[in-house]
Structure formats: structure tokens, C-alpha cells
PDB file of N, CA and C in Angstrom:
ATOM      1  N   MET A   1     -10.718   1.797  42.699  1.00  0.00           N
ATOM      2  CA  MET A   1     -10.178   1.159  41.491  1.00  0.00           C
ATOM      3  C   MET A   1     -10.416   2.168  40.323  1.00  0.00           C
ATOM      4  N   MET A   2      -9.406   2.430  39.665  1.00  0.00           N
ATOM      5  CA  MET A   2      -9.480   3.400  38.641  1.00  0.00           C
ATOM      6  C   MET A   2      -9.647   2.623  37.251  1.00  0.00           C
ATOM      7  N   ASP A   3     -10.324   3.340  36.379  1.00  0.00           N
ATOM      8  CA  ASP A   3     -10.719   2.723  35.021  1.00  0.00           C
ATOM      9  C   ASP A   3      -9.439   2.883  34.103  1.00  0.00           C
ATOM     10  N   ALA A   4      -9.182   2.001  33.232  1.00  0.00           N
ATOM     11  CA  ALA A   4      -8.080   2.143  32.344  1.00  0.00           C
ATOM     12  C   ALA A   4      -8.256   3.299  31.371  1.00  0.00           C
ATOM     13  N   PRO A   5      -7.254   4.013  30.985  1.00  0.00           N
ATOM     14  CA  PRO A   5      -7.455   5.027  30.017  1.00  0.00           C
ATOM     15  C   PRO A   5      -7.948   4.455  28.730  1.00  0.00           C
ATOM     16  N   VAL A   6      -8.674   5.342  27.985  1.00  0.00           N
ATOM     17  CA  VAL A   6      -9.343   5.022  26.744  1.00  0.00           C
ATOM     18  C   VAL A   6      -8.378   5.476  25.713  1.00  0.00           C
ATOM     19  N   ARG A   7      -7.907   4.520  24.758  1.00  0.00           N
ATOM     20  CA  ARG A   7      -6.974   4.837  23.792  1.00  0.00           C
ATOM     21  C   ARG A   7      -7.817   5.128  22.518  1.00  0.00           C
ATOM     22  N   SER A   8      -7.499   6.214  21.881  1.00  0.00           N
ATOM     23  CA  SER A   8      -7.911   6.639  20.581  1.00  0.00           C
ATOM     24  C   SER A   8      -7.346   6.099  19.403  1.00  0.00           C
ATOM     25  N   LYS A   9      -8.055   6.058  18.353  1.00  0.00           N
ATOM     26  CA  LYS A   9      -7.323   5.581  17.109  1.00  0.00           C
ATOM     27  C   LYS A   9      -6.342   6.668  16.646  1.00  0.00           C
ATOM     28  N   PRO A  10      -5.323   6.339  15.924  1.00  0.00           N
ATOM     29  CA  PRO A  10      -4.330   7.293  15.558  1.00  0.00           C
ATOM     30  C   PRO A  10      -4.867   8.460  14.782  1.00  0.00           C
ATOM     31  N   ASP A  11      -5.928   8.545  14.365  1.00  0.00           N
ATOM     32  CA  ASP A  11      -6.493   9.660  13.554  1.00  0.00           C
ATOM     33  C   ASP A  11      -7.337  10.521  14.553  1.00  0.00           C
ATOM     34  N   GLY A  12      -7.344  10.191  15.892  1.00  0.00           N
ATOM     35  CA  GLY A  12      -7.921  10.965  16.784  1.00  0.00           C
ATOM     36  C   GLY A  12      -9.358  10.634  17.091  1.00  0.00           C
ATOM     37  N   GLY A  13     -10.038   9.668  16.328  1.00  0.00           N
ATOM     38  CA  GLY A  13     -11.412   9.253  16.427  1.00  0.00           C
ATOM     39  C   GLY A  13     -11.600   8.367  17.583  1.00  0.00           C
ATOM     40  N   SER A  14     -12.665   7.987  17.870  1.00  0.00           N
ATOM     41  CA  SER A  14     -13.029   7.074  19.036  1.00  0.00           C
ATOM     42  C   SER A  14     -12.505   5.703  18.735  1.00  0.00           C
ATOM     43  N   PRO A  15     -12.264   4.914  19.852  1.00  0.00           N
ATOM     44  CA  PRO A  15     -11.737   3.598  19.717  1.00  0.00           C
ATOM     45  C   PRO A  15     -12.557   2.670  18.933  1.00  0.00           C
ATOM     46  N   LEU A  16     -12.148   1.621  18.341  1.00  0.00           N
ATOM     47  CA  LEU A  16     -12.794   0.727  17.600  1.00  0.00           C
ATOM     48  C   LEU A  16     -13.987   0.100  18.410  1.00  0.00           C
ATOM     49  N   TRP A  17     -13.665  -0.350  19.715  1.00  0.00           N
ATOM     50  CA  TRP A  17     -14.673  -1.026  20.544  1.00  0.00           C
ATOM     51  C   TRP A  17     -15.773  -0.046  20.913  1.00  0.00           C
ATOM     52  N   HIS A  18     -15.475   1.253  20.880  1.00  0.00           N
ATOM     53  CA  HIS A  18     -16.421   2.202  21.299  1.00  0.00           C
ATOM     54  C   HIS A  18     -17.758   2.029  20.427  1.00  0.00           C
ATOM     55  N   ARG A  19     -17.790   1.836  19.147  1.00  0.00           N
ATOM     56  CA  ARG A  19     -18.948   1.723  18.313  1.00  0.00           C
ATOM     57  C   ARG A  19     -19.831   0.625  18.727  1.00  0.00           C
ATOM     58  N   ASP A  20     -19.186  -0.555  19.428  1.00  0.00           N
ATOM     59  CA  ASP A  20     -20.039  -1.656  19.793  1.00  0.00           C
ATOM     60  C   ASP A  20     -20.459  -1.260  21.142  1.00  0.00           C
ATOM     61  N   VAL A  21     -20.102  -0.479  21.916  1.00  0.00           N
ATOM     62  CA  VAL A  21     -20.590  -0.027  23.238  1.00  0.00           C
ATOM     63  C   VAL A  21     -21.629   0.841  23.027  1.00  0.00           C
ATOM     64  N   VAL A  22     -21.548   1.795  22.123  1.00  0.00           N
ATOM     65  CA  VAL A  22     -22.560   2.843  22.042  1.00  0.00           C
ATOM     66  C   VAL A  22     -23.907   2.165  21.509  1.00  0.00           C
ATOM     67  N   PRO A  23     -24.989   2.622  22.181  1.00  0.00           N
ATOM     68  CA  PRO A  23     -26.248   1.937  21.926  1.00  0.00           C
ATOM     69  C   PRO A  23     -26.600   2.166  20.434  1.00  0.00           C
ATOM     70  N   GLY A  24     -26.916   1.011  19.607  1.00  0.00           N
ATOM     71  CA  GLY A  24     -27.209   1.113  18.308  1.00  0.00           C
ATOM     72  C   GLY A  24     -26.135   1.313  17.447  1.00  0.00           C
ATOM     73  N   GLY A  25     -24.942   1.477  17.983  1.00  0.00           N
ATOM     74  CA  GLY A  25     -23.756   1.791  17.010  1.00  0.00           C
ATOM     75  C   GLY A  25     -23.131   0.549  16.456  1.00  0.00           C
ATOM     76  N   GLY A  26     -22.845  -0.517  17.181  1.00  0.00           N
ATOM     77  CA  GLY A  26     -22.060  -1.604  16.852  1.00  0.00           C
ATOM     78  C   GLY A  26     -22.812  -2.573  16.036  1.00  0.00           C
ATOM     79  N   VAL A  27     -23.950  -3.096  16.504  1.00  0.00           N
ATOM     80  CA  VAL A  27     -24.756  -4.075  15.779  1.00  0.00           C
ATOM     81  C   VAL A  27     -25.218  -3.649  14.418  1.00  0.00           C
ATOM     82  N   HIS A  28     -25.701  -2.363  14.371  1.00  0.00           N
ATOM     83  CA  HIS A  28     -26.043  -1.882  12.955  1.00  0.00           C
ATOM     84  C   HIS A  28     -24.893  -1.826  12.027  1.00  0.00           C
ATOM     85  N   SER A  29     -23.696  -1.343  12.552  1.00  0.00           N
ATOM     86  CA  SER A  29     -22.570  -1.325  11.694  1.00  0.00           C
ATOM     87  C   SER A  29     -21.967  -2.620  11.226  1.00  0.00           C
ATOM     88  N   ILE A  30     -22.021  -3.637  12.171  1.00  0.00           N
ATOM     89  CA  ILE A  30     -21.613  -5.023  11.799  1.00  0.00           C
ATOM     90  C   ILE A  30     -22.491  -5.567  10.841  1.00  0.00           C
ATOM     91  N   ASN A  31     -23.880  -5.490  11.060  1.00  0.00           N
ATOM     92  CA  ASN A  31     -24.785  -6.168  10.198  1.00  0.00           C
ATOM     93  C   ASN A  31     -25.224  -5.495   8.916  1.00  0.00           C
ATOM     94  N   HIS A  32     -24.936  -4.145   8.889  1.00  0.00           N
ATOM     95  CA  HIS A  32     -25.458  -3.320   7.592  1.00  0.00           C
ATOM     96  C   HIS A  32     -24.424  -2.619   6.836  1.00  0.00           C
ATOM     97  N   GLU A  33     -23.262  -2.569   7.481  1.00  0.00           N
ATOM     98  CA  GLU A  33     -22.169  -1.816   6.862  1.00  0.00           C
ATOM     99  C   GLU A  33     -20.928  -2.585   6.440  1.00  0.00           C
ATOM    100  N   HIS A  34     -20.518  -3.451   7.414  1.00  0.00           N
ATOM    101  CA  HIS A  34     -19.279  -4.302   7.303  1.00  0.00           C
ATOM    102  C   HIS A  34     -19.468  -5.412   6.327  1.00  0.00           C
ATOM    103  N   ARG A  35     -18.757  -5.503   5.303  1.00  0.00           N
ATOM    104  CA  ARG A  35     -18.779  -6.653   4.430  1.00  0.00           C
ATOM    105  C   ARG A  35     -17.764  -7.680   4.912  1.00  0.00           C
ATOM    106  N   HIS A  36     -18.298  -8.920   5.245  1.00  0.00           N
ATOM    107  CA  HIS A  36     -17.554 -10.069   5.787  1.00  0.00           C
ATOM    108  C   HIS A  36     -16.933 -11.012   4.748  1.00  0.00           C
ATOM    109  N   SER A  37     -15.724 -11.194   4.932  1.00  0.00           N
ATOM    110  CA  SER A  37     -15.030 -12.153   3.950  1.00  0.00           C
ATOM    111  C   SER A  37     -15.538 -13.490   3.807  1.00  0.00           C
ATOM    112  N   ALA A  38     -15.936 -14.010   4.959  1.00  0.00           N
ATOM    113  CA  ALA A  38     -16.520 -15.409   5.063  1.00  0.00           C
ATOM    114  C   ALA A  38     -17.745 -15.674   4.136  1.00  0.00           C
ATOM    115  N   ILE A  39     -18.490 -14.556   3.935  1.00  0.00           N
ATOM    116  CA  ILE A  39     -19.656 -14.551   3.042  1.00  0.00           C
ATOM    117  C   ILE A  39     -19.549 -13.743   1.859  1.00  0.00           C
ATOM    118  N   GLN A  40     -18.290 -13.779   1.293  1.00  0.00           N
ATOM    119  CA  GLN A  40     -18.030 -13.231  -0.026  1.00  0.00           C
ATOM    120  C   GLN A  40     -18.112 -11.721  -0.108  1.00  0.00           C
ATOM    121  N   PHE A  41     -17.717 -11.112   1.001  1.00  0.00           N
ATOM    122  CA  PHE A  41     -17.893  -9.616   1.114  1.00  0.00           C
ATOM    123  C   PHE A  41     -19.237  -9.067   0.773  1.00  0.00           C
ATOM    124  N   VAL A  42     -20.221  -9.651   1.475  1.00  0.00           N
ATOM    125  CA  VAL A  42     -21.468  -8.941   1.432  1.00  0.00           C
ATOM    126  C   VAL A  42     -21.814  -8.750   3.112  1.00  0.00           C
ATOM    127  N   THR A  43     -22.800  -7.923   3.285  1.00  0.00           N
ATOM    128  CA  THR A  43     -23.140  -7.695   4.708  1.00  0.00           C
ATOM    129  C   THR A  43     -23.974  -8.828   5.134  1.00  0.00           C
ATOM    130  N   PRO A  44     -24.138  -9.098   6.432  1.00  0.00           N
ATOM    131  CA  PRO A  44     -25.043 -10.162   6.967  1.00  0.00           C
ATOM    132  C   PRO A  44     -26.415  -9.904   6.722  1.00  0.00           C
ATOM    133  N   ALA A  45     -26.804  -8.409   6.709  1.00  0.00           N
ATOM    134  CA  ALA A  45     -28.135  -8.010   6.343  1.00  0.00           C
ATOM    135  C   ALA A  45     -28.485  -8.326   4.889  1.00  0.00           C
ATOM    136  N   GLN A  46     -27.509  -8.123   4.084  1.00  0.00           N
ATOM    137  CA  GLN A  46     -27.742  -8.498   2.633  1.00  0.00           C
ATOM    138  C   GLN A  46     -27.963  -9.882   2.381  1.00  0.00           C
ATOM    139  N   ARG A  47     -27.214 -10.661   3.105  1.00  0.00           N
ATOM    140  CA  ARG A  47     -27.379 -12.145   2.943  1.00  0.00           C
ATOM    141  C   ARG A  47     -28.710 -12.738   3.615  1.00  0.00           C
ATOM    142  N   HIS A  48     -29.100 -12.125   4.784  1.00  0.00           N
ATOM    143  CA  HIS A  48     -30.192 -12.466   5.463  1.00  0.00           C
ATOM    144  C   HIS A  48     -31.478 -12.100   4.519  1.00  0.00           C
ATOM    145  N   ALA A  49     -31.461 -11.047   3.728  1.00  0.00           N
ATOM    146  CA  ALA A  49     -32.468 -10.502   2.918  1.00  0.00           C
ATOM    147  C   ALA A  49     -32.456 -11.310   1.585  1.00  0.00           C
ATOM    148  N   ASN A  50     -31.463 -12.182   1.383  1.00  0.00           N
ATOM    149  CA  ASN A  50     -31.206 -12.834   0.022  1.00  0.00           C
ATOM    150  C   ASN A  50     -30.927 -12.031  -1.002  1.00  0.00           C
ATOM    151  N   LEU A  51     -30.220 -10.986  -0.749  1.00  0.00           N
ATOM    152  CA  LEU A  51     -29.812 -10.021  -1.796  1.00  0.00           C
ATOM    153  C   LEU A  51     -28.272 -10.370  -2.180  1.00  0.00           C
ATOM    154  N   ASP A  52     -27.665 -11.320  -1.535  1.00  0.00           N
ATOM    155  CA  ASP A  52     -26.350 -11.611  -1.820  1.00  0.00           C
ATOM    156  C   ASP A  52     -26.089 -12.317  -3.275  1.00  0.00           C
ATOM    157  N   GLN A  53     -26.959 -13.116  -3.629  1.00  0.00           N
ATOM    158  CA  GLN A  53     -26.800 -13.724  -4.916  1.00  0.00           C
ATOM    159  C   GLN A  53     -26.767 -12.838  -5.965  1.00  0.00           C
ATOM    160  N   ASP A  54     -27.628 -11.774  -5.962  1.00  0.00           N
ATOM    161  CA  ASP A  54     -27.602 -10.884  -7.099  1.00  0.00           C
ATOM    162  C   ASP A  54     -26.406  -9.992  -7.177  1.00  0.00           C
ATOM    163  N   ILE A  55     -26.014  -9.642  -5.875  1.00  0.00           N
ATOM    164  CA  ILE A  55     -24.797  -8.881  -5.611  1.00  0.00           C
ATOM    165  C   ILE A  55     -23.521  -9.681  -6.224  1.00  0.00           C
ATOM    166  N   LEU A  56     -23.520 -10.946  -5.874  1.00  0.00           N
ATOM    167  CA  LEU A  56     -22.256 -11.840  -6.271  1.00  0.00           C
ATOM    168  C   LEU A  56     -22.335 -11.921  -7.867  1.00  0.00           C
ATOM    169  N   ASP A  57     -23.485 -12.074  -8.407  1.00  0.00           N
ATOM    170  CA  ASP A  57     -23.674 -12.241  -9.820  1.00  0.00           C
ATOM    171  C   ASP A  57     -23.049 -11.078 -10.598  1.00  0.00           C
ATOM    172  N   ARG A  58     -23.473  -9.823 -10.063  1.00  0.00           N
ATOM    173  CA  ARG A  58     -23.017  -8.623 -10.585  1.00  0.00           C
ATOM    174  C   ARG A  58     -21.543  -8.498 -10.486  1.00  0.00           C
ATOM    175  N   ARG A  59     -20.940  -8.792  -9.414  1.00  0.00           N
ATOM    176  CA  ARG A  59     -19.408  -8.786  -9.219  1.00  0.00           C
ATOM    177  C   ARG A  59     -18.807  -9.703 -10.177  1.00  0.00           C
ATOM    178  N   ALA A  60     -19.303 -10.932 -10.342  1.00  0.00           N
ATOM    179  CA  ALA A  60     -18.663 -11.876 -11.247  1.00  0.00           C
ATOM    180  C   ALA A  60     -18.666 -11.409 -12.694  1.00  0.00           C
ATOM    181  N   ALA A  61     -19.699 -10.720 -13.020  1.00  0.00           N
ATOM    182  CA  ALA A  61     -19.804 -10.130 -14.489  1.00  0.00           C
ATOM    183  C   ALA A  61     -18.945  -9.057 -14.544  1.00  0.00           C
ATOM    184  N   LEU A  62     -18.890  -8.102 -13.559  1.00  0.00           N
ATOM    185  CA  LEU A  62     -17.870  -7.028 -13.650  1.00  0.00           C
ATOM    186  C   LEU A  62     -16.463  -7.510 -13.649  1.00  0.00           C
ATOM    187  N   TYR A  63     -16.081  -8.447 -12.841  1.00  0.00           N
ATOM    188  CA  TYR A  63     -14.632  -8.934 -12.987  1.00  0.00           C
ATOM    189  C   TYR A  63     -14.408  -9.547 -14.232  1.00  0.00           C
ATOM    190  N   GLU A  64     -15.331 -10.325 -14.881  1.00  0.00           N
ATOM    191  CA  GLU A  64     -15.134 -10.946 -16.136  1.00  0.00           C
ATOM    192  C   GLU A  64     -15.043  -9.863 -17.210  1.00  0.00           C
ATOM    193  N   THR A  65     -15.750  -8.793 -17.148  1.00  0.00           N
ATOM    194  CA  THR A  65     -15.666  -7.729 -18.104  1.00  0.00           C
ATOM    195  C   THR A  65     -14.274  -7.057 -17.967  1.00  0.00           C
ATOM    196  N   ALA A  66     -13.923  -6.853 -16.691  1.00  0.00           N
ATOM    197  CA  ALA A  66     -12.589  -6.152 -16.517  1.00  0.00           C
ATOM    198  C   ALA A  66     -11.518  -7.140 -17.061  1.00  0.00           C
ATOM    199  N   ARG A  67     -11.591  -8.370 -16.900  1.00  0.00           N
ATOM    200  CA  ARG A  67     -10.581  -9.356 -17.437  1.00  0.00           C
ATOM    201  C   ARG A  67     -10.514  -9.413 -18.954  1.00  0.00           C
ATOM    202  N   GLN A  68     -11.571  -9.204 -19.566  1.00  0.00           N
ATOM    203  CA  GLN A  68     -11.609  -9.175 -21.083  1.00  0.00           C
ATOM    204  C   GLN A  68     -11.036  -7.906 -21.553  1.00  0.00           C
ATOM    205  N   ARG A  69     -11.273  -6.894 -20.815  1.00  0.00           N
ATOM    206  CA  ARG A  69     -10.801  -5.443 -21.416  1.00  0.00           C
ATOM    207  C   ARG A  69      -9.267  -5.417 -21.179  1.00  0.00           C
ATOM    208  N   ASN A  70      -8.709  -6.054 -20.128  1.00  0.00           N
ATOM    209  CA  ASN A  70      -7.310  -6.006 -19.846  1.00  0.00           C
ATOM    210  C   ASN A  70      -6.760  -7.340 -19.321  1.00  0.00           C
ATOM    211  N   PRO A  71      -6.565  -8.320 -20.290  1.00  0.00           N
ATOM    212  CA  PRO A  71      -6.174  -9.796 -20.031  1.00  0.00           C
ATOM    213  C   PRO A  71      -4.881  -9.755 -19.354  1.00  0.00           C
ATOM    214  N   LEU A  72      -3.950  -8.865 -19.546  1.00  0.00           N
ATOM    215  CA  LEU A  72      -2.610  -8.965 -19.118  1.00  0.00           C
ATOM    216  C   LEU A  72      -2.479  -8.708 -17.545  1.00  0.00           C
ATOM    217  N   ARG A  73      -3.628  -8.030 -17.087  1.00  0.00           N
ATOM    218  CA  ARG A  73      -3.708  -7.718 -15.601  1.00  0.00           C
ATOM    219  C   ARG A  73      -3.921  -9.012 -14.879  1.00  0.00           C
ATOM    220  N   TRP A  74      -4.580  -9.997 -15.521  1.00  0.00           N
ATOM    221  CA  TRP A  74      -4.987 -11.289 -14.810  1.00  0.00           C
ATOM    222  C   TRP A  74      -4.053 -12.455 -15.124  1.00  0.00           C
ATOM    223  N   LYS A  75      -3.462 -12.967 -14.081  1.00  0.00           N
ATOM    224  CA  LYS A  75      -2.723 -14.205 -14.243  1.00  0.00           C
ATOM    225  C   LYS A  75      -3.419 -15.415 -14.427  1.00  0.00           C
ATOM    226  N   GLY A  76      -4.637 -15.482 -13.735  1.00  0.00           N
ATOM    227  CA  GLY A  76      -5.380 -16.695 -13.798  1.00  0.00           C
ATOM    228  C   GLY A  76      -6.854 -16.448 -13.741  1.00  0.00           C
ATOM    229  N   PRO A  77      -7.805 -17.207 -13.296  1.00  0.00           N
ATOM    230  CA  PRO A  77      -9.156 -16.898 -13.289  1.00  0.00           C
ATOM    231  C   PRO A  77      -9.471 -15.859 -12.362  1.00  0.00           C
ATOM    232  N   THR A  78     -10.669 -15.169 -12.437  1.00  0.00           N
ATOM    233  CA  THR A  78     -11.086 -14.108 -11.571  1.00  0.00           C
ATOM    234  C   THR A  78     -11.460 -14.799 -10.210  1.00  0.00           C
ATOM    235  N   ARG A  79     -11.701 -13.908  -9.219  1.00  0.00           N
ATOM    236  CA  ARG A  79     -12.034 -14.374  -7.891  1.00  0.00           C
ATOM    237  C   ARG A  79     -13.333 -15.279  -7.905  1.00  0.00           C
ATOM    238  N   ASN A  80     -13.539 -16.200  -7.179  1.00  0.00           N
ATOM    239  CA  ASN A  80     -14.526 -17.080  -6.932  1.00  0.00           C
ATOM    240  C   ASN A  80     -15.739 -16.160  -6.246  1.00  0.00           C
ATOM    241  N   TRP A  81     -16.844 -15.920  -6.928  1.00  0.00           N
ATOM    242  CA  TRP A  81     -17.864 -15.116  -6.373  1.00  0.00           C
ATOM    243  C   TRP A  81     -19.181 -16.057  -6.100  1.00  0.00           C
ATOM    244  N   GLN A  82     -18.867 -17.359  -6.010  1.00  0.00           N
ATOM    245  CA  GLN A  82     -20.004 -18.252  -5.746  1.00  0.00           C
ATOM    246  C   GLN A  82     -20.430 -18.010  -4.264  1.00  0.00           C
ATOM    247  N   ARG A  83     -21.840 -18.100  -4.121  1.00  0.00           N
ATOM    248  CA  ARG A  83     -22.407 -18.109  -2.796  1.00  0.00           C
ATOM    249  C   ARG A  83     -21.853 -19.058  -1.878  1.00  0.00           C
ATOM    250  N   VAL A  84     -21.563 -18.759  -0.700  1.00  0.00           N
ATOM    251  CA  VAL A  84     -21.145 -19.684   0.414  1.00  0.00           C
ATOM    252  C   VAL A  84     -22.532 -20.139   1.060  1.00  0.00           C
ATOM    253  N   HIS A  85     -22.833 -21.483   0.957  1.00  0.00           N
ATOM    254  CA  HIS A  85     -24.023 -21.956   1.480  1.00  0.00           C
ATOM    255  C   HIS A  85     -24.109 -22.286   3.044  1.00  0.00           C
ATOM    256  N   ALA A  86     -22.926 -22.671   3.493  1.00  0.00           N
ATOM    257  CA  ALA A  86     -22.821 -23.013   5.120  1.00  0.00           C
ATOM    258  C   ALA A  86     -22.012 -21.998   5.657  1.00  0.00           C
ATOM    259  N   VAL A  87     -22.473 -21.248   6.689  1.00  0.00           N
ATOM    260  CA  VAL A  87     -21.713 -20.314   7.315  1.00  0.00           C
ATOM    261  C   VAL A  87     -21.685 -20.667   8.865  1.00  0.00           C
ATOM    262  N   HIS A  88     -20.473 -20.760   9.528  1.00  0.00           N
ATOM    263  CA  HIS A  88     -20.307 -21.069  10.686  1.00  0.00           C
ATOM    264  C   HIS A  88     -19.669 -19.856  11.650  1.00  0.00           C
ATOM    265  N   LEU A  89     -20.126 -19.710  12.846  1.00  0.00           N
ATOM    266  CA  LEU A  89     -19.593 -18.696  13.595  1.00  0.00           C
ATOM    267  C   LEU A  89     -18.057 -18.976  14.135  1.00  0.00           C
ATOM    268  N   ASN A  90     -17.786 -20.293  14.258  1.00  0.00           N
ATOM    269  CA  ASN A  90     -16.570 -20.735  14.715  1.00  0.00           C
ATOM    270  C   ASN A  90     -16.101 -21.722  13.846  1.00  0.00           C
ATOM    271  N   PRO A  91     -15.598 -21.546  12.672  1.00  0.00           N
ATOM    272  CA  PRO A  91     -15.312 -22.703  11.626  1.00  0.00           C
ATOM    273  C   PRO A  91     -14.154 -23.487  12.144  1.00  0.00           C
ATOM    274  N   ASP A  92     -13.375 -23.013  12.985  1.00  0.00           N
ATOM    275  CA  ASP A  92     -12.091 -23.720  13.480  1.00  0.00           C
ATOM    276  C   ASP A  92     -12.540 -24.875  14.420  1.00  0.00           C
ATOM    277  N   ARG A  93     -13.635 -24.701  15.035  1.00  0.00           N
ATOM    278  CA  ARG A  93     -14.125 -25.584  16.086  1.00  0.00           C
ATOM    279  C   ARG A  93     -15.156 -26.625  15.634  1.00  0.00           C
ATOM    280  N   SER A  94     -14.892 -27.315  14.594  1.00  0.00           N
ATOM    281  CA  SER A  94     -15.900 -28.281  14.059  1.00  0.00           C
ATOM    282  C   SER A  94     -16.213 -29.195  15.026  1.00  0.00           C
ATOM    283  N   ASP A  95     -15.297 -29.665  15.991  1.00  0.00           N
ATOM    284  CA  ASP A  95     -15.714 -30.675  17.008  1.00  0.00           C
ATOM    285  C   ASP A  95     -16.766 -30.281  17.952  1.00  0.00           C
ATOM    286  N   ASN A  96     -16.951 -28.921  18.066  1.00  0.00           N
ATOM    287  CA  ASN A  96     -17.882 -28.454  19.022  1.00  0.00           C
ATOM    288  C   ASN A  96     -19.262 -27.935  18.277  1.00  0.00           C
ATOM    289  N   GLN A  97     -19.463 -28.299  17.153  1.00  0.00           N
ATOM    290  CA  GLN A  97     -20.681 -27.751  16.530  1.00  0.00           C
ATOM    291  C   GLN A  97     -21.971 -28.374  17.150  1.00  0.00           C
ATOM    292  N   GLY A  98     -22.799 -27.315  17.525  1.00  0.00           N
ATOM    293  CA  GLY A  98     -24.126 -27.680  18.132  1.00  0.00           C
ATOM    294  C   GLY A  98     -23.966 -27.926  19.636  1.00  0.00           C
ATOM    295  N   VAL A  99     -22.872 -27.708  20.209  1.00  0.00           N
ATOM    296  CA  VAL A  99     -22.612 -27.866  21.599  1.00  0.00           C
ATOM    297  C   VAL A  99     -22.292 -26.508  22.193  1.00  0.00           C
ATOM    298  N   ALA A 100     -23.037 -26.040  23.146  1.00  0.00           N
ATOM    299  CA  ALA A 100     -22.777 -24.786  23.833  1.00  0.00           C
ATOM    300  C   ALA A 100     -21.782 -25.000  24.918  1.00  0.00           C
ATOM    301  N   PRO A 101     -20.723 -24.220  25.072  1.00  0.00           N
ATOM    302  CA  PRO A 101     -19.795 -24.489  26.032  1.00  0.00           C
ATOM    303  C   PRO A 101     -20.425 -24.073  27.501  1.00  0.00           C
ATOM    304  N   ASN A 102     -20.094 -24.861  28.427  1.00  0.00           N
ATOM    305  CA  ASN A 102     -20.565 -24.572  29.886  1.00  0.00           C
ATOM    306  C   ASN A 102     -19.379 -23.822  30.531  1.00  0.00           C
ATOM    307  N   ARG A 103     -19.669 -22.508  30.620  1.00  0.00           N
ATOM    308  CA  ARG A 103     -18.637 -21.657  31.165  1.00  0.00           C
ATOM    309  C   ARG A 103     -18.619 -21.755  32.769  1.00  0.00           C
ATOM    310  N   HIS A 104     -19.710 -22.288  33.329  1.00  0.00           N
ATOM    311  CA  HIS A 104     -19.733 -22.309  34.779  1.00  0.00           C
ATOM    312  C   HIS A 104     -19.416 -23.652  35.320  1.00  0.00           C
ATOM    313  N   GLN A 105     -18.703 -24.497  34.584  1.00  0.00           N
ATOM    314  CA  GLN A 105     -18.411 -25.798  35.000  1.00  0.00           C
ATOM    315  C   GLN A 105     -17.177 -25.760  35.924  1.00  0.00           C
ATOM    316  N   GLU A 106     -17.269 -26.375  37.089  1.00  0.00           N
ATOM    317  CA  GLU A 106     -16.215 -26.317  38.030  1.00  0.00           C
ATOM    318  C   GLU A 106     -15.090 -27.155  37.759  1.00  0.00           C
ATOM    319  N   LYS A 107     -13.885 -26.780  38.142  1.00  0.00           N
ATOM    320  CA  LYS A 107     -12.747 -27.757  37.782  1.00  0.00           C
ATOM    321  C   LYS A 107     -12.618 -28.805  38.924  1.00  0.00           C
ATOM    322  N   LYS A 108     -12.416 -29.917  38.549  1.00  0.00           N
ATOM    323  CA  LYS A 108     -12.236 -31.074  39.508  1.00  0.00           C
ATOM    324  C   LYS A 108     -10.925 -31.017  40.220  1.00  0.00           C
ATOM    325  N   ALA A 109     -10.867 -31.272  41.484  1.00  0.00           N
ATOM    326  CA  ALA A 109      -9.599 -31.288  42.238  1.00  0.00           C
ATOM    327  C   ALA A 109      -8.835 -32.567  41.936  1.00  0.00           C
ATOM    328  N   ALA A 110      -7.439 -32.375  41.877  1.00  0.00           N
ATOM    329  CA  ALA A 110      -6.631 -33.426  41.536  1.00  0.00           C
ATOM    330  C   ALA A 110      -6.321 -34.365  42.548  1.00  0.00           C
TER     331      ALA A 110
END
């Protein structure tokens, strides 16, 4: 059995999934570098360390200052930079909260 060819990114770099496979590459990147939209564009590490509220407060002040300097650029209020208090890994699956799926469950014969 042959392995599937590895496809590179268009810029010639390693594929996106590769950083998750390389030891220490993916978890650190996702937790310490990638800003997640579900938690108002802070990293999970910043949120876990309770640094997110200060970051969000500074962003709100920056946006308000920019809005005052150039009000014609803004049609409405600035972005909501309030801290998100409840975070779910699978927000679309509210019916399964707290229930781990059983992947080894056998199908019943008809």
C-alpha cells in the first residue's frame, strides 16, 4: 500500500496539517499563536491566563479612539469587544452537551 502524496501549500511551504503532526508544532501554535474568533480574537493561552479582558478593553479603547478620529469611516457602533463567558467546543450540538459520543457502538441489524 502506497502513501498518498503530500501536497504543499501554494507558496511551497509545508502543508497546513503538517504543523499539527510535527511534535510540539501544532498544539503550541493553536494555543499560543492563533487568535480564535469564538473568543474575540485572543489565543486560548491568553484566555486561560485571564489576560483576555485587558486585551479586549485595550481593543475597545483603540476602536473608539479611531472612530472619534475618523467618524465617516464608521457606519455604526464599533465591534463588540465584550468577553465571551461561555465557550463550547461544538456550539452547533447543544443537544449533546456533556455527553461523550460512543464511537464503538454497534449498529443493530434490521
